C-alpha atoms as a PDB file:
ATOM      1  CA  MET A   1     -14.823  22.635  -5.515  1.00  0.00           C
ATOM      2  CA  ASN A   2     -11.903  21.174  -3.588  1.00  0.00           C
ATOM      3  CA  LYS A   3      -9.450  19.636  -6.063  1.00  0.00           C
ATOM      4  CA  ILE A   4      -7.354  17.884  -3.406  1.00  0.00           C
ATOM      5  CA  VAL A   5     -10.287  15.891  -2.008  1.00  0.00           C
ATOM      6  CA  ILE A   6     -11.457  15.058  -5.543  1.00  0.00           C
ATOM      7  CA  GLY A   7      -7.919  13.904  -6.427  1.00  0.00           C
ATOM      8  CA  ILE A   8      -7.780  11.635  -3.378  1.00  0.00           C
ATOM      9  CA  GLY A   9     -11.188  10.218  -4.316  1.00  0.00           C
ATOM     10  CA  VAL A  10     -10.076   9.505  -7.883  1.00  0.00           C
ATOM     11  CA  VAL A  11      -6.941   7.732  -6.609  1.00  0.00           C
ATOM     12  CA  LEU A  12      -9.110   5.598  -4.303  1.00  0.00           C
ATOM     13  CA  ILE A  13     -11.443   4.734  -7.183  1.00  0.00           C
ATOM     14  CA  ILE A  14      -8.462   3.631  -9.293  1.00  0.00           C
ATOM     15  CA  ALA A  15      -7.085   1.581  -6.368  1.00  0.00           C
ATOM     16  CA  GLY A  16     -10.503  -0.041  -5.891  1.00  0.00           C
ATOM     17  CA  LEU A  17     -10.728  -0.981  -9.550  1.00  0.00           C
ATOM     18  CA  PHE A  18      -7.212  -2.407  -9.438  1.00  0.00           C
ATOM     19  CA  SER A  19      -8.017  -4.487  -6.363  1.00  0.00           C
ATOM     20  CA  GLN A  20     -11.210  -5.776  -8.010  1.00  0.00           C
ATOM     21  CA  PHE A  21      -9.549  -7.013 -11.189  1.00  0.00           C
ATOM     22  CA  TYR A  22      -6.107  -8.082  -9.907  1.00  0.00           C
ATOM     23  CA  MET A  23      -5.665 -11.850 -10.008  1.00  0.00           C
ATOM     24  CA  PHE A  24      -3.021 -14.475 -10.509  1.00  0.00           C
ATOM     25  CA  THR A  25      -3.030 -18.209 -11.055  1.00  0.00           C
ATOM     26  CA  GLU A  26      -1.245 -21.074  -9.344  1.00  0.00           C
ATOM     27  CA  THR A  27      -0.744 -24.351 -11.150  1.00  0.00           C
ATOM     28  CA  ASP A  28      -0.195 -27.573  -9.230  1.00  0.00           C
ATOM     29  CA  THR A  29       0.782 -30.706 -11.155  1.00  0.00           C
ATOM     30  CA  LYS A  30       0.553 -34.189  -9.656  1.00  0.00           C
ATOM     31  CA  ASN A  31       1.885 -37.351 -11.241  1.00  0.00           C
ATOM     32  CA  ILE A  32       0.291 -40.513  -9.829  1.00  0.00           C
ATOM     33  CA  LEU A  33       1.140 -43.840 -11.509  1.00  0.00           C
ATOM     34  CA  GLY A  34       1.627 -42.243 -14.907  1.00  0.00           C
ATOM     35  CA  TYR A  35      -1.591 -40.229 -14.664  1.00  0.00           C
ATOM     36  CA  ARG A  36      -0.859 -36.530 -14.794  1.00  0.00           C
ATOM     37  CA  GLU A  37      -3.283 -34.208 -13.064  1.00  0.00           C
ATOM     38  CA  THR A  38      -3.057 -30.418 -13.292  1.00  0.00           C
ATOM     39  CA  ASP A  39      -4.951 -28.148 -10.940  1.00  0.00           C
ATOM     40  CA  THR A  40      -5.179 -24.412 -11.619  1.00  0.00           C
ATOM     41  CA  ASP A  41      -6.292 -22.051  -8.870  1.00  0.00           C
ATOM     42  CA  ILE A  42      -7.257 -18.448  -9.544  1.00  0.00           C
ATOM     43  CA  LYS A  43      -6.319 -16.224  -6.610  1.00  0.00           C
ATOM     44  CA  LYS A  44      -7.885 -12.809  -5.986  1.00  0.00           C
ATOM     45  CA  PRO A  45      -6.196 -11.617  -2.784  1.00  0.00           C
ATOM     46  CA  TYR A  46      -7.447  -8.003  -2.721  1.00  0.00           C
ATOM     47  CA  GLN A  47     -11.028  -8.451  -3.888  1.00  0.00           C
ATOM     48  CA  ALA A  48     -12.454  -8.016  -0.378  1.00  0.00           C
ATOM     49  CA  PHE A  49     -11.111  -4.444  -0.293  1.00  0.00           C
ATOM     50  CA  ALA A  50     -12.550  -3.432  -3.672  1.00  0.00           C
ATOM     51  CA  LEU A  51     -16.072  -2.368  -2.733  1.00  0.00           C
ATOM     52  CA  PRO A  52     -15.223  -0.340   0.415  1.00  0.00           C
ATOM     53  CA  VAL A  53     -12.377   1.489  -1.343  1.00  0.00           C
ATOM     54  CA  LEU A  54     -14.563   2.225  -4.383  1.00  0.00           C
ATOM     55  CA  LEU A  55     -17.386   3.549  -2.221  1.00  0.00           C
ATOM     56  CA  LEU A  56     -15.024   5.706  -0.178  1.00  0.00           C
ATOM     57  CA  GLY A  57     -13.579   7.138  -3.392  1.00  0.00           C
ATOM     58  CA  VAL A  58     -17.032   7.952  -4.776  1.00  0.00           C
ATOM     59  CA  VAL A  59     -18.052   9.593  -1.489  1.00  0.00           C
ATOM     60  CA  LEU A  60     -14.880  11.697  -1.420  1.00  0.00           C
ATOM     61  CA  VAL A  61     -15.410  12.837  -5.013  1.00  0.00           C
ATOM     62  CA  GLY A  62     -18.982  13.813  -4.128  1.00  0.00           C
ATOM     63  CA  ILE A  63     -17.918  15.670  -0.993  1.00  0.00           C
ATOM     64  CA  GLY A  64     -15.032  17.354  -2.796  1.00  0.00           C
ATOM     65  CA  ALA A  65     -17.415  18.671  -5.450  1.00  0.00           C
ATOM     66  CA  PHE A  66     -19.441  20.549  -2.828  1.00  0.00           C
ATOM     67  CA  LEU A  67     -16.641  21.702  -0.491  1.00  0.00           C
ATOM     68  CA  LYS A  68     -15.309  25.165  -0.963  1.00  0.00           C
ATOM     69  CA  ARG A  69     -11.602  25.767  -0.807  1.00  0.00           C
END
């Protein structure tokens, strides 16, 4: 078992989970002739990286379990 490769894999899994669930909102308010309109956008900027980073982390944990030091 190679603890360094497993540790790197665990860090990548945590980074992948963070990138999957990280989000923020932007609120845009418009005032047209006394009518107030509010638009809320949910932004997920790192979601495209989530699956590849998670898979790489899982692969590294699997490889690290079988590698000898």
